[in-house]
Amino acid sequence: MLVTSELSETEESDDSDGLEIYGDSPFKKIPNFADWKKLYKKSKLYQDHIKKFNGSVPSTHANRLIMIGDIHGSFKQLKALLRKVRYNSKVDHVLMLGDFTNKGLDTFGVLEYAMENQFHCILGNHEIELLKRYAQFHGLPRLTFINRNDTTGKDQEEEYLQITENYDLDQLMKIAKRLTPEHIKYIGSCPLMQELGPVPHLVNKKQTKYFTRPANGVGVHAGLMWNVDNLEKQDPDTVTTVRNLLPPNWTTPTEDRTDKVGGVKGQFWGKFWAAEQKKIVDGLLRNGTSSLTLGTKVYYGHDAHRGLNLNEYSAGLDSSCVYGGQLTAEMVWSEVVTSKKGKEQIVYKRMLAQVNC
């Protein structure tokens, strides 16, 4: 549900593109969202806002979208983080950004809790490796992904990841041997990517200045290729493993951040994604677009070395919990804010929360 609050006397609201409409600190006290008033769906403000979605009504069942970086079986820390953000299973929507299994002390604690509370999830490279071992252990021939968004109206099955390796009894195999059909059904329900709808569009490194229009949000485990203009055409292996892109054209993905071509090191995929999004947004603004959202922001994990990495068009939330760092959640919600001039508008806001591991 959309929630209501008022803009403080120190904040400004403006309809001009590119101006700061309100300032915010990424670290602050977590409010009690359960006590916030809900926006009446039949109100003119809400209905006018819905019209900007070109006929598709955004999800409004949750107070907040809570996205969590790589958990890696750190169940104790997951529960501590959810307590910190005052998680309410009846209204909050949790999305785990992949690699929620393996390495840590309690993969099955995380799995059971996620299933019980109907967490949404993204497939990470560790979940894919887990499924491959499960397939080998049970004599299954392959893994497949199904595109349920195909425009023909039929599920399009893509054969992917033939099981050719012979896995030893490593930690993933030990977990795979204990997985129940219910666990597999849950993990198998995790998509490679998830569209999130409107998300806050922050324009500075400190993540305190909001653009007047939100961005489109996409959740993925590792990253997206800037030169692939359709999400459904993104490569499954790339979106679960990419960290850098290689020269000279910066269109070759690599997971190894030390890879070089001709002595030139690869660079962060998000750098090129941001450049492409800025070009797209500039073009839309020049043409006077009326679109509610501008640009696409990617929320991801997978890159513990870079750690928490917040940018205008990407947000990396893997902060090395399983290695003794922090477990990070990015919370996104919508508010009705009232300017000094008395004008109400719906805006999208965010807050960051972390616990030590």
Protein backbone atom coordinates (compact mmCIF):
# COMPACT_ATOMS: atom_id res chain seq x y z
CA MET A 1 0.00 0.00 0.00
CA LEU A 2 1.10 3.56 -0.56
CA VAL A 3 1.74 5.35 2.70
CA THR A 4 1.24 8.97 3.62
CA SER A 5 3.39 11.50 5.39
CA GLU A 6 4.16 15.18 5.07
CA LEU A 7 7.18 17.00 3.70
CA SER A 8 9.08 18.77 6.48
CA GLU A 9 9.58 22.54 6.58
CA THR A 10 13.23 22.14 5.57
CA GLU A 11 12.48 20.19 2.39
CA GLU A 12 11.42 21.40 -1.02
CA SER A 13 9.08 20.03 -3.69
CA ASP A 14 9.41 21.07 -7.33
CA ASP A 15 8.05 19.78 -10.64
CA SER A 16 11.15 20.68 -12.67
CA ASP A 17 13.14 17.71 -13.94
CA GLY A 18 16.54 17.25 -12.39
CA LEU A 19 15.92 19.33 -9.26
CA GLU A 20 16.19 17.92 -5.77
CA ILE A 21 12.68 17.42 -4.44
CA TYR A 22 13.77 16.40 -0.97
CA GLY A 23 16.90 15.45 0.88
CA ASP A 24 17.31 12.25 2.85
CA SER A 25 19.99 10.38 4.73
CA PRO A 26 20.62 6.77 3.72
CA PHE A 27 21.25 5.88 7.37
CA LYS A 28 18.66 6.94 9.93
CA LYS A 29 16.17 5.60 12.44
CA ILE A 30 13.74 3.10 10.96
CA PRO A 31 10.15 4.40 11.25
CA ASN A 32 7.28 2.15 12.24
CA PHE A 33 5.66 1.69 8.85
CA ALA A 34 2.85 -0.40 10.32
CA ASP A 35 1.44 2.78 11.92
CA TRP A 36 1.46 4.84 8.73
CA LYS A 37 -1.84 5.75 7.10
CA LYS A 38 -2.66 4.13 3.77
CA LEU A 39 -3.53 6.12 0.68
CA TYR A 40 -7.15 5.65 -0.34
CA LYS A 41 -7.09 3.90 -3.71
CA LYS A 42 -10.12 5.77 -5.03
CA SER A 43 -8.58 9.16 -4.31
CA LYS A 44 -7.93 11.47 -7.26
CA LEU A 45 -4.22 11.63 -6.40
CA TYR A 46 -3.88 7.87 -6.57
CA GLN A 47 -5.95 7.51 -9.74
CA ASP A 48 -4.00 10.27 -11.51
CA HIS A 49 -0.77 8.54 -10.50
CA ILE A 50 -1.96 5.18 -11.83
CA LYS A 51 -2.70 6.70 -15.24
CA LYS A 52 1.02 7.38 -15.67
CA PHE A 53 1.72 3.63 -15.73
CA ASN A 54 0.22 3.25 -19.21
CA GLY A 55 -2.59 1.01 -18.02
CA SER A 56 -0.53 -1.35 -15.86
CA VAL A 57 -1.32 -0.92 -12.18
CA PRO A 58 1.76 -1.15 -9.93
CA SER A 59 1.86 -3.57 -7.05
CA THR A 60 0.46 -1.92 -3.93
CA HIS A 61 0.15 -4.85 -1.54
CA ALA A 62 3.21 -3.98 0.55
CA ASN A 63 4.31 -1.03 2.65
CA ARG A 64 7.90 -1.64 1.62
CA LEU A 65 10.01 -3.60 -0.78
CA ILE A 66 12.98 -4.90 1.25
CA MET A 67 15.87 -6.06 -0.94
CA ILE A 68 18.64 -8.01 0.77
CA GLY A 69 22.14 -8.70 -0.55
CA ASP A 70 23.97 -12.04 -0.45
CA ILE A 71 22.84 -13.88 2.71
CA HIS A 72 24.83 -17.10 2.12
CA GLY A 73 23.13 -19.10 4.84
CA SER A 74 23.65 -16.42 7.52
CA PHE A 75 20.30 -17.05 9.19
CA LYS A 76 21.09 -15.41 12.54
CA GLN A 77 22.14 -12.20 10.80
CA LEU A 78 19.10 -12.30 8.50
CA LYS A 79 16.76 -12.39 11.49
CA ALA A 80 18.70 -9.56 13.16
CA LEU A 81 18.41 -7.43 10.03
CA LEU A 82 14.67 -8.04 9.73
CA ARG A 83 14.20 -7.10 13.38
CA LYS A 84 16.14 -3.91 12.79
CA VAL A 85 13.92 -2.85 9.88
CA ARG A 86 10.76 -3.83 11.80
CA TYR A 87 9.81 -6.42 9.22
CA ASN A 88 6.09 -7.21 9.13
CA SER A 89 5.31 -10.36 7.16
CA LYS A 90 1.72 -9.25 6.56
CA VAL A 91 2.59 -6.12 4.63
CA ASP A 92 6.31 -6.11 3.70
CA HIS A 93 7.67 -7.65 0.51
CA VAL A 94 11.16 -9.19 0.86
CA LEU A 95 13.35 -9.89 -2.18
CA MET A 96 16.60 -11.84 -1.72
CA LEU A 97 19.03 -10.88 -4.49
CA GLY A 98 20.53 -14.33 -4.98
CA ASP A 99 23.21 -16.37 -3.18
CA PHE A 100 21.05 -16.86 -0.12
CA THR A 101 22.41 -20.41 0.22
CA ASN A 102 25.83 -22.03 0.89
CA LYS A 103 28.98 -20.91 2.73
CA GLY A 104 27.22 -19.81 5.94
CA LEU A 105 26.16 -21.83 8.96
CA ASP A 106 22.45 -22.31 8.29
CA THR A 107 21.32 -22.55 4.67
CA PHE A 108 18.27 -24.57 5.70
CA GLY A 109 17.29 -22.01 8.32
CA VAL A 110 17.28 -19.33 5.63
CA LEU A 111 15.38 -21.55 3.20
CA GLU A 112 12.68 -22.57 5.67
CA TYR A 113 12.18 -19.02 6.93
CA ALA A 114 12.00 -17.64 3.39
CA MET A 115 9.45 -20.28 2.39
CA GLU A 116 7.37 -19.75 5.53
CA ASN A 117 7.21 -15.99 4.97
CA GLN A 118 6.87 -16.20 1.19
CA PHE A 119 10.02 -14.21 0.43
CA HIS A 120 10.63 -13.52 -3.21
CA CYS A 121 14.04 -14.51 -4.52
CA ILE A 122 16.47 -14.13 -7.41
CA LEU A 123 18.61 -17.03 -8.63
CA GLY A 124 22.26 -16.53 -7.79
CA ASN A 125 25.21 -18.50 -9.12
CA HIS A 126 25.26 -20.55 -5.90
CA GLU A 127 21.60 -21.53 -6.30
CA ILE A 128 22.31 -22.60 -9.89
CA GLU A 129 25.29 -24.67 -8.75
CA LEU A 130 23.10 -26.18 -6.04
CA LEU A 131 20.42 -27.13 -8.58
CA LYS A 132 23.05 -28.70 -10.85
CA ARG A 133 24.27 -30.89 -8.01
CA TYR A 134 20.72 -31.81 -7.07
CA ALA A 135 20.11 -32.81 -10.69
CA GLN A 136 23.24 -34.97 -10.72
CA PHE A 137 22.40 -36.63 -7.40
CA HIS A 138 18.89 -37.52 -8.59
CA GLY A 139 19.91 -38.48 -12.12
CA LEU A 140 18.18 -35.58 -13.86
CA PRO A 141 19.54 -34.72 -17.33
CA ARG A 142 19.59 -30.93 -17.34
CA LEU A 143 18.38 -27.60 -15.96
CA THR A 144 15.97 -25.48 -17.96
CA PHE A 145 14.64 -21.97 -17.66
CA ILE A 146 11.12 -21.07 -18.75
CA ASN A 147 10.26 -17.63 -20.11
CA ARG A 148 6.82 -16.92 -18.69
CA ASN A 149 6.70 -13.43 -20.24
CA ASP A 150 6.79 -14.58 -23.85
CA THR A 151 4.47 -12.50 -26.04
CA THR A 152 2.96 -15.61 -27.65
CA GLY A 153 1.19 -16.37 -24.38
CA LYS A 154 2.94 -19.73 -24.12
CA ASP A 155 5.80 -20.69 -21.85
CA GLN A 156 8.95 -20.88 -23.95
CA GLU A 157 11.38 -23.45 -22.58
CA GLU A 158 15.07 -22.84 -23.15
CA GLU A 159 17.36 -25.81 -22.54
CA TYR A 160 20.27 -24.57 -20.48
CA LEU A 161 23.17 -25.94 -18.48
CA GLN A 162 23.54 -29.56 -19.52
CA ILE A 163 24.80 -31.52 -16.52
CA THR A 164 28.19 -32.64 -17.82
CA GLU A 165 30.32 -32.12 -14.72
CA ASN A 166 30.82 -34.82 -12.11
CA TYR A 167 30.55 -33.09 -8.76
CA ASP A 168 32.45 -34.27 -5.73
CA LEU A 169 31.03 -34.18 -2.21
CA ASP A 170 31.70 -30.47 -1.69
CA GLN A 171 29.62 -28.22 0.57
CA LEU A 172 27.07 -27.55 -2.15
CA MET A 173 26.62 -31.27 -2.81
CA LYS A 174 26.13 -31.91 0.91
CA ILE A 175 23.34 -29.33 0.88
CA ALA A 176 21.89 -30.66 -2.38
CA LYS A 177 21.56 -34.18 -0.94
CA ARG A 178 19.39 -32.83 1.90
CA LEU A 179 17.06 -30.73 -0.25
CA THR A 180 13.41 -31.77 -0.23
CA PRO A 181 11.00 -31.41 -3.18
CA GLU A 182 9.53 -28.40 -1.36
CA HIS A 183 12.96 -26.73 -1.22
CA ILE A 184 13.50 -27.39 -4.92
CA LYS A 185 10.06 -26.04 -5.79
CA TYR A 186 10.89 -22.83 -3.92
CA ILE A 187 14.38 -22.38 -5.37
CA GLY A 188 13.05 -23.29 -8.80
CA SER A 189 10.48 -20.50 -8.52
CA CYS A 190 13.25 -17.89 -8.28
CA PRO A 191 13.63 -15.96 -11.55
CA LEU A 192 16.92 -14.76 -13.01
CA MET A 193 15.60 -11.19 -12.94
CA GLN A 194 12.61 -9.42 -11.46
CA GLU A 195 11.08 -6.15 -12.56
CA LEU A 196 10.35 -4.01 -9.51
CA GLY A 197 8.31 -1.10 -10.85
CA PRO A 198 9.13 2.50 -9.88
CA VAL A 199 12.08 2.97 -7.53
CA PRO A 200 13.78 6.10 -6.17
CA HIS A 201 16.07 7.85 -8.64
CA LEU A 202 19.01 9.28 -6.70
CA VAL A 203 21.45 11.52 -8.52
CA ASN A 204 24.42 11.89 -6.17
CA LYS A 205 26.98 9.48 -4.72
CA LYS A 206 25.81 10.07 -1.15
CA GLN A 207 22.32 8.94 -2.20
CA THR A 208 20.64 12.00 -0.69
CA LYS A 209 19.25 13.89 -3.71
CA TYR A 210 16.19 12.55 -5.47
CA PHE A 211 15.32 13.17 -9.12
CA THR A 212 11.74 14.35 -9.63
CA ARG A 213 10.76 11.15 -11.44
CA PRO A 214 11.50 7.59 -10.28
CA ALA A 215 13.46 5.04 -12.28
CA ASN A 216 12.36 1.57 -13.35
CA GLY A 217 13.78 -1.02 -10.96
CA VAL A 218 15.21 -4.44 -11.84
CA GLY A 219 16.51 -7.02 -9.38
CA VAL A 220 19.24 -9.41 -10.53
CA HIS A 221 22.06 -11.31 -8.85
CA ALA A 222 25.17 -10.04 -10.65
CA GLY A 223 24.40 -7.44 -13.30
CA LEU A 224 23.08 -6.61 -16.76
CA MET A 225 24.71 -5.97 -20.12
CA TRP A 226 24.39 -2.36 -21.22
CA ASN A 227 24.22 -3.28 -24.93
CA VAL A 228 21.25 -5.68 -24.60
CA ASP A 229 18.09 -3.59 -24.80
CA ASN A 230 15.59 -6.30 -23.84
CA LEU A 231 15.67 -7.97 -20.42
CA GLU A 232 14.45 -11.25 -21.89
CA LYS A 233 17.51 -11.34 -24.16
CA GLN A 234 20.00 -11.07 -21.30
CA ASP A 235 22.18 -14.18 -21.00
CA PRO A 236 21.40 -16.36 -17.92
CA ASP A 237 25.06 -17.09 -17.19
CA THR A 238 26.02 -13.42 -17.50
CA VAL A 239 23.31 -12.05 -15.21
CA THR A 240 24.35 -14.47 -12.44
CA THR A 241 28.14 -14.06 -12.71
CA VAL A 242 29.25 -10.78 -14.36
CA ARG A 243 31.46 -8.36 -12.43
CA ASN A 244 33.46 -6.58 -15.13
CA LEU A 245 33.38 -5.95 -18.87
CA LEU A 246 36.46 -6.34 -21.06
CA PRO A 247 37.97 -4.00 -23.65
CA PRO A 248 38.08 -2.91 -26.37
CA ASN A 249 34.30 -2.76 -26.89
CA TRP A 250 33.25 -3.40 -23.28
CA THR A 251 30.70 -5.99 -24.39
CA THR A 252 32.46 -9.13 -23.11
CA PRO A 253 31.48 -10.06 -19.54
CA THR A 254 33.83 -11.63 -17.02
CA GLU A 255 33.46 -12.75 -13.43
CA ASP A 256 37.20 -12.41 -12.76
CA ARG A 257 37.96 -8.79 -11.87
CA THR A 258 41.67 -9.35 -12.67
CA ASP A 259 41.05 -10.29 -16.34
CA LYS A 260 42.85 -8.14 -18.92
CA VAL A 261 42.88 -7.78 -22.69
CA GLY A 262 46.10 -6.44 -24.19
CA GLY A 263 47.24 -5.39 -20.74
CA VAL A 264 44.06 -3.36 -20.14
CA LYS A 265 41.97 -4.41 -17.15
CA GLY A 266 38.24 -4.91 -17.27
CA GLN A 267 35.93 -2.34 -15.71
CA PHE A 268 32.77 -2.48 -13.60
CA TRP A 269 29.71 -3.37 -15.70
CA GLY A 270 27.66 -0.71 -13.90
CA LYS A 271 29.83 2.07 -15.32
CA PHE A 272 28.69 1.26 -18.84
CA TRP A 273 25.12 0.59 -17.77
CA ALA A 274 24.97 4.07 -16.21
CA ALA A 275 26.36 5.75 -19.33
CA GLU A 276 23.75 4.03 -21.49
CA GLN A 277 20.91 4.93 -19.12
CA LYS A 278 21.98 8.58 -19.01
CA LYS A 279 21.96 8.67 -22.80
CA ILE A 280 18.46 7.16 -22.87
CA VAL A 281 17.11 9.54 -20.22
CA ASP A 282 18.63 12.62 -21.88
CA GLY A 283 16.96 11.64 -25.15
CA LEU A 284 13.58 11.16 -23.48
CA LEU A 285 13.80 14.53 -21.73
CA ARG A 286 14.74 16.30 -24.95
CA ASN A 287 11.66 14.82 -26.58
CA GLY A 288 9.42 15.94 -23.73
CA THR A 289 8.40 12.52 -22.47
CA SER A 290 5.45 12.23 -20.09
CA SER A 291 6.60 8.85 -18.77
CA LEU A 292 6.40 8.43 -15.01
CA THR A 293 9.75 6.60 -14.87
CA LEU A 294 13.06 7.51 -16.48
CA GLY A 295 15.95 5.08 -16.82
CA THR A 296 16.45 1.64 -15.29
CA LYS A 297 18.16 1.07 -11.95
CA VAL A 298 19.63 -2.37 -11.21
CA TYR A 299 19.75 -3.83 -7.70
CA TYR A 300 22.29 -6.65 -7.42
CA GLY A 301 24.66 -8.61 -5.17
CA HIS A 302 27.51 -11.00 -6.07
CA ASP A 303 30.40 -8.53 -5.74
CA ALA A 304 31.62 -8.73 -2.15
CA HIS A 305 34.99 -7.27 -3.15
CA ARG A 306 33.40 -3.97 -4.19
CA GLY A 307 31.01 -4.18 -1.26
CA LEU A 308 28.18 -1.72 -0.79
CA ASN A 309 28.20 0.18 -4.07
CA LEU A 310 25.44 2.77 -4.52
CA ASN A 311 25.14 4.66 -7.79
CA GLU A 312 22.49 6.48 -9.79
CA TYR A 313 21.55 3.48 -11.93
CA SER A 314 22.83 0.56 -9.86
CA ALA A 315 22.93 -0.50 -6.21
CA GLY A 316 25.27 -3.29 -5.11
CA LEU A 317 24.14 -4.80 -1.81
CA ASP A 318 26.66 -7.62 -1.23
CA SER A 319 28.55 -6.34 1.81
CA SER A 320 30.47 -9.53 2.69
CA CYS A 321 28.31 -10.84 5.53
CA VAL A 322 29.61 -14.40 5.27
CA TYR A 323 33.18 -13.04 5.47
CA GLY A 324 32.53 -11.01 8.61
CA GLY A 325 31.26 -7.81 6.99
CA GLN A 326 27.65 -6.64 7.08
CA LEU A 327 24.28 -7.85 5.82
CA THR A 328 22.55 -5.06 3.92
CA ALA A 329 18.93 -4.27 3.10
CA GLU A 330 17.69 -1.53 0.80
CA MET A 331 14.11 -0.53 1.56
CA VAL A 332 11.93 1.15 -1.05
CA TRP A 333 8.47 2.61 -0.52
CA SER A 334 6.15 5.35 -1.78
CA GLU A 335 4.81 8.34 0.11
CA VAL A 336 2.43 11.20 -0.38
CA VAL A 337 4.40 14.37 0.32
CA THR A 338 2.98 17.87 0.66
CA SER A 339 5.03 20.87 -0.41
CA LYS A 340 5.04 24.26 1.31
CA LYS A 341 2.62 25.38 -1.39
CA GLY A 342 0.18 22.67 -0.34
CA LYS A 343 0.55 20.49 -3.41
CA GLU A 344 0.43 16.73 -2.85
CA GLN A 345 2.38 14.23 -4.93
CA ILE A 346 3.40 10.58 -4.73
CA VAL A 347 7.15 10.06 -4.48
CA TYR A 348 9.36 6.99 -4.09
CA LYS A 349 11.87 6.88 -1.25
CA ARG A 350 14.50 4.54 0.13
CA MET A 351 16.51 3.75 3.22
CA LEU A 352 19.52 1.56 3.90
CA ALA A 353 19.92 -0.75 6.91
CA GLN A 354 22.82 -3.00 7.94
CA VAL A 355 23.78 -5.40 10.71
CA ASN A 356 27.26 -6.65 11.52
CA CYS A 357 28.04 -10.28 10.77
